[in-house]
Amino acid sequence: MKVKICGITNLEDALHAVACGADALGFVFYDKSPRYISPKDAKKIIEKLPPFVERVGLFVNVDTQHINSVCKNTGISRTQIHFEVDEAFLDEITVPTLVVIRAKEAQDVQKFSKHYRLVDAYVESYGGEGKRLNLDFFDGVDCSKLILAGGLTAENLKEAKKYGFYALDVSSGVESSKGKKDPMKVKQFISNAKSI
């Protein structure tokens, strides 16, 4: 099981997550988020990461020109698009994309079914609320291209095991405070996820 630790705001948390086995790190370029990081600060962290770690930039309500500029200048390897877009918008982004589906009902998880996509619980804000997603939404669904997010902790991962998700994404579930990771929670989450 692959794991993405999202909401990285400092080098210490980034390197610890990688040392614990994280496959990807998420950087939130949404200035209304308590986990916001400036492209300049994200670049400083990304430059010190070891190779083969996916560097994911989360964007909300910005145009593709802005997204492409940030990716080019920071070393972001994949974008996480956390707002309503269409295929034409995705085609304009110069790095691989990950569409976020904020699921209100079961049929939402089928959107963008040709793509790898991240499914999160619907909340008015854009992520990081720790709201659990109804796992019944995934009954009978091919989850091999789905990344599960929303309310995950080291303690509740077993419930997701039977669905065969491609990866798990966590932010608030491994924090000591907003924007600061708890080293033991990160280690335990990744360990539990990798044993699924």
N, C-alpha and C. Protein backbone atom coordinates (compact mmCIF):
# COMPACT_ATOMS: atom_id res chain seq x y z
N MET A 1 0.84 -1.19 0.00
CA MET A 1 0.00 0.00 0.00
C MET A 1 0.88 1.25 0.00
N LYS A 2 0.63 2.13 -0.94
CA LYS A 2 1.40 3.38 -1.00
C LYS A 2 0.77 4.41 -0.05
N VAL A 3 1.61 5.32 0.44
CA VAL A 3 1.16 6.31 1.43
C VAL A 3 1.65 7.69 1.03
N LYS A 4 0.73 8.65 1.11
CA LYS A 4 1.08 10.06 0.94
C LYS A 4 0.82 10.78 2.25
N ILE A 5 1.84 11.50 2.72
CA ILE A 5 1.71 12.35 3.90
C ILE A 5 1.53 13.77 3.39
N CYS A 6 0.36 14.34 3.63
CA CYS A 6 0.03 15.66 3.07
C CYS A 6 0.16 16.74 4.13
N GLY A 7 0.22 17.98 3.66
CA GLY A 7 0.31 19.11 4.57
C GLY A 7 1.69 19.30 5.16
N ILE A 8 2.72 18.99 4.37
CA ILE A 8 4.11 19.16 4.84
C ILE A 8 4.45 20.66 4.85
N THR A 9 4.97 21.12 5.99
CA THR A 9 5.31 22.54 6.12
C THR A 9 6.76 22.78 6.53
N ASN A 10 7.50 21.70 6.83
CA ASN A 10 8.88 21.89 7.28
C ASN A 10 9.73 20.68 6.89
N LEU A 11 11.04 20.90 6.82
CA LEU A 11 11.97 19.87 6.37
C LEU A 11 12.01 18.69 7.32
N GLU A 12 11.96 18.94 8.63
CA GLU A 12 12.03 17.86 9.62
C GLU A 12 10.90 16.85 9.40
N ASP A 13 9.67 17.34 9.25
CA ASP A 13 8.54 16.45 9.01
C ASP A 13 8.69 15.69 7.69
N ALA A 14 9.17 16.39 6.68
CA ALA A 14 9.34 15.77 5.36
C ALA A 14 10.32 14.61 5.42
N LEU A 15 11.49 14.84 5.99
CA LEU A 15 12.52 13.81 6.04
C LEU A 15 12.11 12.64 6.94
N HIS A 16 11.42 12.95 8.03
CA HIS A 16 10.95 11.87 8.91
C HIS A 16 9.94 10.99 8.18
N ALA A 17 9.00 11.59 7.46
CA ALA A 17 8.00 10.82 6.72
C ALA A 17 8.67 9.91 5.68
N VAL A 18 9.65 10.44 4.98
CA VAL A 18 10.36 9.65 3.98
C VAL A 18 11.13 8.50 4.65
N ALA A 19 11.77 8.80 5.76
CA ALA A 19 12.53 7.77 6.49
C ALA A 19 11.61 6.64 6.97
N CYS A 20 10.35 6.99 7.25
CA CYS A 20 9.37 6.00 7.71
C CYS A 20 8.74 5.22 6.56
N GLY A 21 9.04 5.64 5.32
CA GLY A 21 8.54 4.89 4.17
C GLY A 21 7.48 5.57 3.34
N ALA A 22 7.23 6.86 3.56
CA ALA A 22 6.24 7.58 2.74
C ALA A 22 6.65 7.55 1.27
N ASP A 23 5.69 7.30 0.40
CA ASP A 23 5.94 7.28 -1.05
C ASP A 23 5.79 8.66 -1.66
N ALA A 24 5.00 9.52 -1.01
CA ALA A 24 4.73 10.85 -1.54
C ALA A 24 4.53 11.82 -0.40
N LEU A 25 4.88 13.09 -0.66
CA LEU A 25 4.65 14.18 0.28
C LEU A 25 3.77 15.22 -0.41
N GLY A 26 2.84 15.80 0.36
CA GLY A 26 1.95 16.79 -0.21
C GLY A 26 2.23 18.18 0.33
N PHE A 27 2.24 19.16 -0.57
CA PHE A 27 2.49 20.56 -0.23
C PHE A 27 1.26 21.37 -0.63
N VAL A 28 0.69 22.07 0.34
CA VAL A 28 -0.58 22.77 0.13
C VAL A 28 -0.33 24.22 -0.29
N PHE A 29 -0.60 24.50 -1.56
CA PHE A 29 -0.43 25.86 -2.10
C PHE A 29 -1.78 26.60 -2.11
N TYR A 30 -2.50 26.49 -1.04
CA TYR A 30 -3.81 27.15 -0.90
C TYR A 30 -3.72 28.02 0.34
N ASP A 31 -3.68 29.35 0.12
CA ASP A 31 -3.31 30.24 1.22
C ASP A 31 -4.35 30.37 2.33
N LYS A 32 -5.53 29.80 2.16
CA LYS A 32 -6.52 29.81 3.24
C LYS A 32 -6.40 28.59 4.14
N SER A 33 -5.47 27.70 3.82
CA SER A 33 -5.29 26.49 4.62
C SER A 33 -4.30 26.74 5.75
N PRO A 34 -4.54 26.17 6.94
CA PRO A 34 -3.55 26.27 8.02
C PRO A 34 -2.27 25.50 7.70
N ARG A 35 -2.31 24.69 6.65
CA ARG A 35 -1.13 23.92 6.23
C ARG A 35 -0.47 24.53 4.99
N TYR A 36 -0.83 25.77 4.69
CA TYR A 36 -0.27 26.44 3.52
C TYR A 36 1.25 26.55 3.63
N ILE A 37 1.89 26.34 2.50
CA ILE A 37 3.32 26.60 2.39
C ILE A 37 3.55 27.40 1.12
N SER A 38 4.43 28.38 1.16
CA SER A 38 4.72 29.17 -0.03
C SER A 38 5.55 28.33 -0.99
N PRO A 39 5.42 28.58 -2.30
CA PRO A 39 6.26 27.85 -3.26
C PRO A 39 7.74 27.98 -2.94
N LYS A 40 8.15 29.14 -2.47
CA LYS A 40 9.56 29.36 -2.14
C LYS A 40 10.01 28.42 -1.03
N ASP A 41 9.19 28.29 0.02
CA ASP A 41 9.56 27.42 1.14
C ASP A 41 9.46 25.94 0.75
N ALA A 42 8.48 25.62 -0.09
CA ALA A 42 8.36 24.24 -0.56
C ALA A 42 9.59 23.83 -1.37
N LYS A 43 10.06 24.73 -2.19
CA LYS A 43 11.25 24.45 -3.01
C LYS A 43 12.45 24.11 -2.12
N LYS A 44 12.61 24.85 -1.02
CA LYS A 44 13.74 24.59 -0.12
C LYS A 44 13.69 23.18 0.46
N ILE A 45 12.48 22.71 0.76
CA ILE A 45 12.32 21.34 1.27
C ILE A 45 12.56 20.33 0.16
N ILE A 46 11.93 20.56 -0.98
CA ILE A 46 12.01 19.61 -2.10
C ILE A 46 13.45 19.40 -2.55
N GLU A 47 14.24 20.46 -2.53
CA GLU A 47 15.64 20.35 -2.96
C GLU A 47 16.45 19.42 -2.05
N LYS A 48 15.97 19.20 -0.82
CA LYS A 48 16.71 18.36 0.12
C LYS A 48 16.13 16.95 0.25
N LEU A 49 15.12 16.64 -0.55
CA LEU A 49 14.53 15.30 -0.49
C LEU A 49 15.37 14.30 -1.28
N PRO A 50 15.39 13.05 -0.85
CA PRO A 50 16.07 12.02 -1.63
C PRO A 50 15.29 11.72 -2.91
N PRO A 51 15.91 11.04 -3.88
CA PRO A 51 15.21 10.72 -5.11
C PRO A 51 14.09 9.70 -4.89
N PHE A 52 13.20 9.63 -5.88
CA PHE A 52 12.11 8.66 -5.94
C PHE A 52 11.00 8.91 -4.93
N VAL A 53 10.92 10.13 -4.41
CA VAL A 53 9.79 10.52 -3.57
C VAL A 53 8.91 11.45 -4.40
N GLU A 54 7.63 11.08 -4.55
CA GLU A 54 6.70 11.93 -5.31
C GLU A 54 6.42 13.21 -4.52
N ARG A 55 6.48 14.34 -5.24
CA ARG A 55 6.27 15.64 -4.63
C ARG A 55 4.98 16.23 -5.19
N VAL A 56 3.93 16.25 -4.37
CA VAL A 56 2.59 16.58 -4.85
C VAL A 56 2.20 17.99 -4.39
N GLY A 57 1.80 18.81 -5.34
CA GLY A 57 1.34 20.16 -5.02
C GLY A 57 -0.17 20.24 -5.08
N LEU A 58 -0.77 20.70 -3.99
CA LEU A 58 -2.22 20.81 -3.91
C LEU A 58 -2.64 22.24 -4.27
N PHE A 59 -3.57 22.33 -5.23
CA PHE A 59 -4.02 23.63 -5.72
C PHE A 59 -5.54 23.75 -5.62
N VAL A 60 -5.99 24.97 -5.32
CA VAL A 60 -7.43 25.26 -5.23
C VAL A 60 -7.72 26.56 -5.97
N ASN A 61 -8.64 26.49 -6.91
CA ASN A 61 -9.19 27.67 -7.60
C ASN A 61 -8.14 28.59 -8.20
N VAL A 62 -7.21 28.00 -8.94
CA VAL A 62 -6.23 28.79 -9.68
C VAL A 62 -6.18 28.28 -11.12
N ASP A 63 -5.58 29.07 -12.01
CA ASP A 63 -5.55 28.67 -13.42
C ASP A 63 -4.31 27.82 -13.72
N THR A 64 -4.32 27.21 -14.89
CA THR A 64 -3.24 26.29 -15.24
C THR A 64 -1.91 27.00 -15.40
N GLN A 65 -1.92 28.25 -15.81
CA GLN A 65 -0.66 29.00 -15.93
C GLN A 65 0.02 29.11 -14.58
N HIS A 66 -0.77 29.41 -13.55
CA HIS A 66 -0.21 29.51 -12.19
C HIS A 66 0.31 28.14 -11.73
N ILE A 67 -0.48 27.10 -11.95
CA ILE A 67 -0.09 25.75 -11.54
C ILE A 67 1.22 25.35 -12.21
N ASN A 68 1.32 25.56 -13.51
CA ASN A 68 2.52 25.16 -14.25
C ASN A 68 3.75 25.95 -13.80
N SER A 69 3.55 27.21 -13.48
CA SER A 69 4.66 28.04 -13.02
C SER A 69 5.18 27.55 -11.67
N VAL A 70 4.26 27.28 -10.74
CA VAL A 70 4.67 26.80 -9.41
C VAL A 70 5.40 25.46 -9.53
N CYS A 71 4.85 24.55 -10.34
CA CYS A 71 5.49 23.23 -10.49
C CYS A 71 6.90 23.36 -11.05
N LYS A 72 7.05 24.18 -12.06
CA LYS A 72 8.36 24.36 -12.70
C LYS A 72 9.38 24.94 -11.72
N ASN A 73 8.93 25.88 -10.89
CA ASN A 73 9.85 26.60 -10.02
C ASN A 73 10.15 25.89 -8.70
N THR A 74 9.37 24.87 -8.36
CA THR A 74 9.56 24.22 -7.06
C THR A 74 10.07 22.79 -7.15
N GLY A 75 9.86 22.13 -8.30
CA GLY A 75 10.20 20.72 -8.40
C GLY A 75 9.05 19.80 -8.05
N ILE A 76 7.83 20.35 -8.04
CA ILE A 76 6.64 19.51 -7.84
C ILE A 76 6.54 18.52 -8.99
N SER A 77 6.29 17.25 -8.66
CA SER A 77 6.25 16.21 -9.71
C SER A 77 4.84 15.82 -10.11
N ARG A 78 3.83 16.20 -9.28
CA ARG A 78 2.44 15.87 -9.60
C ARG A 78 1.54 16.90 -8.93
N THR A 79 0.46 17.26 -9.61
CA THR A 79 -0.48 18.20 -9.02
C THR A 79 -1.69 17.46 -8.45
N GLN A 80 -2.24 18.03 -7.39
CA GLN A 80 -3.48 17.54 -6.80
C GLN A 80 -4.50 18.66 -6.98
N ILE A 81 -5.48 18.41 -7.83
CA ILE A 81 -6.43 19.46 -8.21
C ILE A 81 -7.67 19.34 -7.34
N HIS A 82 -7.81 20.29 -6.41
CA HIS A 82 -8.81 20.18 -5.35
C HIS A 82 -10.02 21.07 -5.62
N PHE A 83 -10.42 21.18 -6.90
CA PHE A 83 -11.61 21.96 -7.24
C PHE A 83 -12.17 21.42 -8.55
N GLU A 84 -13.36 21.89 -8.91
CA GLU A 84 -14.06 21.35 -10.08
C GLU A 84 -13.34 21.75 -11.37
N VAL A 85 -12.93 20.76 -12.14
CA VAL A 85 -12.28 21.00 -13.42
C VAL A 85 -12.80 19.99 -14.44
N ASP A 86 -12.41 20.20 -15.71
CA ASP A 86 -12.76 19.23 -16.74
C ASP A 86 -11.48 18.67 -17.37
N GLU A 87 -11.66 17.75 -18.30
CA GLU A 87 -10.50 17.10 -18.93
C GLU A 87 -9.62 18.11 -19.66
N ALA A 88 -10.21 19.11 -20.27
CA ALA A 88 -9.43 20.11 -21.01
C ALA A 88 -8.49 20.86 -20.07
N PHE A 89 -8.96 21.17 -18.88
CA PHE A 89 -8.13 21.84 -17.87
C PHE A 89 -6.94 20.95 -17.51
N LEU A 90 -7.21 19.69 -17.26
CA LEU A 90 -6.14 18.76 -16.89
C LEU A 90 -5.09 18.65 -17.99
N ASP A 91 -5.54 18.68 -19.24
CA ASP A 91 -4.63 18.54 -20.38
C ASP A 91 -3.63 19.68 -20.47
N GLU A 92 -3.96 20.83 -19.88
CA GLU A 92 -3.08 22.00 -19.95
C GLU A 92 -2.00 22.00 -18.88
N ILE A 93 -2.10 21.08 -17.94
CA ILE A 93 -1.10 21.03 -16.87
C ILE A 93 0.09 20.21 -17.32
N THR A 94 1.29 20.71 -17.07
CA THR A 94 2.50 20.13 -17.68
C THR A 94 3.10 18.96 -16.90
N VAL A 95 2.60 18.71 -15.69
CA VAL A 95 3.05 17.53 -14.93
C VAL A 95 1.83 16.63 -14.71
N PRO A 96 2.03 15.37 -14.36
CA PRO A 96 0.88 14.49 -14.13
C PRO A 96 -0.05 15.06 -13.05
N THR A 97 -1.33 14.74 -13.20
CA THR A 97 -2.32 15.31 -12.29
C THR A 97 -3.02 14.22 -11.48
N LEU A 98 -3.53 14.65 -10.35
CA LEU A 98 -4.35 13.80 -9.49
C LEU A 98 -5.60 14.60 -9.17
N VAL A 99 -6.74 14.14 -9.68
CA VAL A 99 -7.99 14.84 -9.44
C VAL A 99 -8.54 14.43 -8.08
N VAL A 100 -9.04 15.41 -7.34
CA VAL A 100 -9.68 15.13 -6.06
C VAL A 100 -11.19 15.11 -6.24
N ILE A 101 -11.81 14.05 -5.77
CA ILE A 101 -13.27 13.95 -5.77
C ILE A 101 -13.74 14.12 -4.34
N ARG A 102 -14.50 15.16 -4.11
CA ARG A 102 -15.06 15.41 -2.78
C ARG A 102 -16.44 14.76 -2.76
N ALA A 103 -16.47 13.53 -2.30
CA ALA A 103 -17.64 12.68 -2.50
C ALA A 103 -18.77 12.99 -1.51
N LYS A 104 -19.94 13.30 -2.08
CA LYS A 104 -21.15 13.48 -1.27
C LYS A 104 -21.99 12.21 -1.27
N GLU A 105 -21.92 11.46 -2.38
CA GLU A 105 -22.72 10.25 -2.52
C GLU A 105 -21.93 9.21 -3.31
N ALA A 106 -22.45 7.98 -3.29
CA ALA A 106 -21.69 6.85 -3.83
C ALA A 106 -21.28 7.04 -5.28
N GLN A 107 -22.16 7.58 -6.13
CA GLN A 107 -21.81 7.67 -7.56
C GLN A 107 -20.67 8.65 -7.83
N ASP A 108 -20.38 9.53 -6.87
CA ASP A 108 -19.28 10.48 -7.07
C ASP A 108 -17.93 9.78 -7.26
N VAL A 109 -17.75 8.62 -6.64
CA VAL A 109 -16.44 7.97 -6.70
C VAL A 109 -16.12 7.44 -8.10
N GLN A 110 -17.11 7.45 -9.00
CA GLN A 110 -16.89 6.98 -10.38
C GLN A 110 -16.43 8.10 -11.31
N LYS A 111 -16.43 9.35 -10.83
CA LYS A 111 -16.00 10.47 -11.68
C LYS A 111 -14.53 10.30 -12.06
N PHE A 112 -14.20 10.75 -13.27
CA PHE A 112 -12.82 10.69 -13.78
C PHE A 112 -12.26 9.27 -13.66
N SER A 113 -13.08 8.29 -14.00
CA SER A 113 -12.71 6.89 -13.77
C SER A 113 -11.52 6.41 -14.60
N LYS A 114 -11.14 7.16 -15.63
CA LYS A 114 -9.96 6.78 -16.42
C LYS A 114 -8.66 7.16 -15.69
N HIS A 115 -8.78 8.02 -14.70
CA HIS A 115 -7.61 8.57 -14.03
C HIS A 115 -7.40 7.95 -12.65
N TYR A 116 -6.17 8.01 -12.19
CA TYR A 116 -5.93 7.85 -10.76
C TYR A 116 -6.54 9.08 -10.10
N ARG A 117 -7.25 8.87 -8.99
CA ARG A 117 -7.91 10.00 -8.35
C ARG A 117 -7.96 9.80 -6.85
N LEU A 118 -8.02 10.92 -6.16
CA LEU A 118 -8.08 10.90 -4.71
C LEU A 118 -9.52 11.18 -4.29
N VAL A 119 -10.06 10.34 -3.43
CA VAL A 119 -11.45 10.51 -2.98
C VAL A 119 -11.43 10.92 -1.51
N ASP A 120 -12.06 12.05 -1.24
CA ASP A 120 -12.10 12.62 0.10
C ASP A 120 -13.57 12.87 0.46
N ALA A 121 -13.84 12.98 1.74
CA ALA A 121 -15.19 13.33 2.19
C ALA A 121 -15.48 14.78 1.82
N TYR A 122 -16.73 15.05 1.43
CA TYR A 122 -17.10 16.42 1.09
C TYR A 122 -17.18 17.28 2.35
N VAL A 123 -16.47 18.39 2.32
CA VAL A 123 -16.62 19.43 3.34
C VAL A 123 -16.60 20.76 2.61
N GLU A 124 -17.16 21.80 3.23
CA GLU A 124 -17.23 23.11 2.58
C GLU A 124 -15.84 23.66 2.27
N SER A 125 -14.90 23.45 3.19
CA SER A 125 -13.53 23.89 2.96
C SER A 125 -12.84 22.85 2.08
N TYR A 126 -11.56 23.05 1.84
CA TYR A 126 -10.85 22.16 0.91
C TYR A 126 -9.85 21.28 1.63
N GLY A 127 -10.36 20.25 2.31
CA GLY A 127 -9.48 19.23 2.87
C GLY A 127 -8.94 19.54 4.25
N GLY A 128 -8.36 18.50 4.85
CA GLY A 128 -7.71 18.66 6.14
C GLY A 128 -8.65 18.77 7.33
N GLU A 129 -9.91 18.45 7.11
CA GLU A 129 -10.88 18.54 8.20
C GLU A 129 -10.96 17.25 9.00
N GLY A 130 -10.40 16.19 8.48
CA GLY A 130 -10.43 14.92 9.19
C GLY A 130 -11.78 14.23 9.17
N LYS A 131 -12.63 14.60 8.23
CA LYS A 131 -13.96 13.98 8.15
C LYS A 131 -13.86 12.62 7.47
N ARG A 132 -14.49 11.62 8.07
CA ARG A 132 -14.46 10.26 7.53
C ARG A 132 -15.36 10.14 6.32
N LEU A 133 -14.89 9.36 5.37
CA LEU A 133 -15.67 9.05 4.17
C LEU A 133 -16.44 7.76 4.42
N ASN A 134 -17.65 7.69 3.89
CA ASN A 134 -18.46 6.48 4.02
C ASN A 134 -17.87 5.38 3.13
N LEU A 135 -17.25 4.37 3.72
CA LEU A 135 -16.60 3.33 2.93
C LEU A 135 -17.59 2.48 2.15
N ASP A 136 -18.87 2.53 2.51
CA ASP A 136 -19.88 1.81 1.73
C ASP A 136 -19.94 2.32 0.29
N PHE A 137 -19.48 3.56 0.07
CA PHE A 137 -19.44 4.12 -1.29
C PHE A 137 -18.62 3.23 -2.22
N PHE A 138 -17.68 2.45 -1.67
CA PHE A 138 -16.73 1.69 -2.48
C PHE A 138 -17.13 0.23 -2.66
N ASP A 139 -18.26 -0.16 -2.12
CA ASP A 139 -18.72 -1.55 -2.29
C ASP A 139 -18.93 -1.83 -3.77
N GLY A 140 -18.28 -2.88 -4.28
CA GLY A 140 -18.42 -3.27 -5.68
C GLY A 140 -17.67 -2.39 -6.67
N VAL A 141 -16.84 -1.48 -6.18
CA VAL A 141 -16.09 -0.55 -7.04
C VAL A 141 -14.66 -1.03 -7.19
N ASP A 142 -14.11 -0.92 -8.43
CA ASP A 142 -12.69 -1.20 -8.64
C ASP A 142 -11.90 -0.04 -8.05
N CYS A 143 -11.21 -0.28 -6.96
CA CYS A 143 -10.49 0.79 -6.25
C CYS A 143 -9.01 0.84 -6.58
N SER A 144 -8.58 0.14 -7.62
CA SER A 144 -7.15 0.03 -7.93
C SER A 144 -6.54 1.34 -8.39
N LYS A 145 -7.37 2.33 -8.79
CA LYS A 145 -6.86 3.65 -9.17
C LYS A 145 -7.32 4.72 -8.19
N LEU A 146 -7.77 4.28 -7.02
CA LEU A 146 -8.29 5.24 -6.04
C LEU A 146 -7.34 5.41 -4.86
N ILE A 147 -7.19 6.66 -4.45
CA ILE A 147 -6.43 7.00 -3.26
C ILE A 147 -7.44 7.48 -2.23
N LEU A 148 -7.47 6.83 -1.09
CA LEU A 148 -8.45 7.16 -0.06
C LEU A 148 -7.89 8.22 0.88
N ALA A 149 -8.71 9.22 1.16
CA ALA A 149 -8.35 10.28 2.10
C ALA A 149 -9.56 10.57 2.99
N GLY A 150 -9.34 11.34 4.03
CA GLY A 150 -10.45 11.79 4.86
C GLY A 150 -10.60 11.00 6.14
N GLY A 151 -10.14 11.57 7.24
CA GLY A 151 -10.37 10.99 8.55
C GLY A 151 -9.59 9.73 8.84
N LEU A 152 -8.52 9.50 8.12
CA LEU A 152 -7.73 8.29 8.34
C LEU A 152 -6.78 8.47 9.52
N THR A 153 -6.63 7.40 10.29
CA THR A 153 -5.65 7.35 11.38
C THR A 153 -5.02 5.96 11.36
N ALA A 154 -3.95 5.80 12.10
CA ALA A 154 -3.30 4.49 12.17
C ALA A 154 -4.26 3.44 12.70
N GLU A 155 -5.23 3.87 13.51
CA GLU A 155 -6.13 2.92 14.17
C GLU A 155 -7.27 2.43 13.28
N ASN A 156 -7.63 3.19 12.25
CA ASN A 156 -8.82 2.78 11.46
C ASN A 156 -8.50 2.29 10.05
N LEU A 157 -7.25 1.97 9.79
CA LEU A 157 -6.88 1.56 8.43
C LEU A 157 -7.40 0.17 8.06
N LYS A 158 -7.59 -0.70 9.02
CA LYS A 158 -8.02 -2.06 8.71
C LYS A 158 -9.36 -2.08 7.99
N GLU A 159 -10.21 -1.09 8.29
CA GLU A 159 -11.52 -1.02 7.64
C GLU A 159 -11.39 -0.85 6.13
N ALA A 160 -10.30 -0.25 5.68
CA ALA A 160 -10.12 0.02 4.26
C ALA A 160 -9.46 -1.14 3.52
N LYS A 161 -8.94 -2.10 4.26
CA LYS A 161 -8.12 -3.16 3.67
C LYS A 161 -8.82 -3.91 2.54
N LYS A 162 -10.09 -4.25 2.73
CA LYS A 162 -10.78 -5.14 1.78
C LYS A 162 -11.04 -4.50 0.42
N TYR A 163 -10.89 -3.17 0.32
CA TYR A 163 -11.25 -2.50 -0.93
C TYR A 163 -10.15 -2.46 -1.96
N GLY A 164 -8.90 -2.65 -1.55
CA GLY A 164 -7.81 -2.67 -2.52
C GLY A 164 -7.47 -1.30 -3.09
N PHE A 165 -7.46 -0.27 -2.26
CA PHE A 165 -7.10 1.07 -2.73
C PHE A 165 -5.65 1.08 -3.21
N TYR A 166 -5.38 1.97 -4.17
CA TYR A 166 -4.01 2.13 -4.65
C TYR A 166 -3.13 2.72 -3.56
N ALA A 167 -3.68 3.69 -2.82
CA ALA A 167 -2.89 4.38 -1.80
C ALA A 167 -3.80 5.01 -0.76
N LEU A 168 -3.17 5.45 0.32
CA LEU A 168 -3.85 6.18 1.38
C LEU A 168 -3.18 7.54 1.53
N ASP A 169 -4.00 8.56 1.82
CA ASP A 169 -3.52 9.92 1.97
C ASP A 169 -3.94 10.43 3.34
N VAL A 170 -3.00 10.95 4.11
CA VAL A 170 -3.32 11.43 5.46
C VAL A 170 -2.67 12.78 5.71
N SER A 171 -3.37 13.61 6.47
CA SER A 171 -2.81 14.89 6.90
C SER A 171 -3.11 15.10 8.37
N SER A 172 -4.36 15.47 8.69
CA SER A 172 -4.70 15.77 10.09
C SER A 172 -4.56 14.56 11.01
N GLY A 173 -4.71 13.35 10.46
CA GLY A 173 -4.65 12.14 11.27
C GLY A 173 -3.28 11.81 11.83
N VAL A 174 -2.24 12.53 11.37
CA VAL A 174 -0.88 12.30 11.89
C VAL A 174 -0.25 13.59 12.41
N GLU A 175 -1.08 14.52 12.84
CA GLU A 175 -0.57 15.82 13.30
C GLU A 175 -0.59 15.93 14.83
N SER A 176 0.34 16.74 15.34
CA SER A 176 0.29 17.16 16.74
C SER A 176 -0.44 18.50 16.84
N SER A 177 -0.35 19.31 15.78
CA SER A 177 -1.12 20.54 15.63
C SER A 177 -1.18 20.83 14.13
N LYS A 178 -2.05 21.72 13.71
CA LYS A 178 -2.23 21.96 12.28
C LYS A 178 -0.93 22.42 11.64
N GLY A 179 -0.47 21.63 10.69
CA GLY A 179 0.77 21.96 10.00
C GLY A 179 2.02 21.35 10.61
N LYS A 180 1.87 20.68 11.75
CA LYS A 180 3.03 20.03 12.41
C LYS A 180 2.71 18.56 12.62
N LYS A 181 3.55 17.70 12.10
CA LYS A 181 3.32 16.26 12.20
C LYS A 181 3.82 15.72 13.54
N ASP A 182 3.15 14.69 14.00
CA ASP A 182 3.55 13.95 15.19
C ASP A 182 4.40 12.77 14.71
N PRO A 183 5.69 12.72 15.05
CA PRO A 183 6.57 11.69 14.51
C PRO A 183 6.08 10.26 14.75
N MET A 184 5.56 9.99 15.95
CA MET A 184 5.10 8.63 16.25
C MET A 184 3.85 8.28 15.46
N LYS A 185 2.95 9.25 15.30
CA LYS A 185 1.73 9.00 14.51
C LYS A 185 2.07 8.73 13.04
N VAL A 186 3.02 9.48 12.51
CA VAL A 186 3.46 9.27 11.13
C VAL A 186 4.04 7.86 10.98
N LYS A 187 4.93 7.52 11.88
CA LYS A 187 5.58 6.20 11.83
C LYS A 187 4.56 5.08 11.93
N GLN A 188 3.62 5.20 12.86
CA GLN A 188 2.63 4.14 13.06
C GLN A 188 1.67 4.04 11.88
N PHE A 189 1.27 5.20 11.33
CA PHE A 189 0.36 5.19 10.19
C PHE A 189 1.00 4.47 9.00
N ILE A 190 2.22 4.83 8.68
CA ILE A 190 2.89 4.25 7.53
C ILE A 190 3.13 2.76 7.76
N SER A 191 3.55 2.41 8.96
CA SER A 191 3.76 1.00 9.29
C SER A 191 2.48 0.19 9.13
N ASN A 192 1.38 0.70 9.64
CA ASN A 192 0.11 -0.01 9.54
C ASN A 192 -0.36 -0.11 8.10
N ALA A 193 -0.19 0.99 7.34
CA ALA A 193 -0.62 1.00 5.94
C ALA A 193 0.18 0.00 5.11
N LYS A 194 1.47 -0.06 5.35
CA LYS A 194 2.34 -0.94 4.57
C LYS A 194 2.09 -2.42 4.89
N SER A 195 1.45 -2.68 6.02
CA SER A 195 1.18 -4.08 6.39
C SER A 195 -0.19 -4.54 5.89
N ILE A 196 -0.94 -3.63 5.24
CA ILE A 196 -2.27 -3.99 4.71
C ILE A 196 -2.10 -4.89 3.49
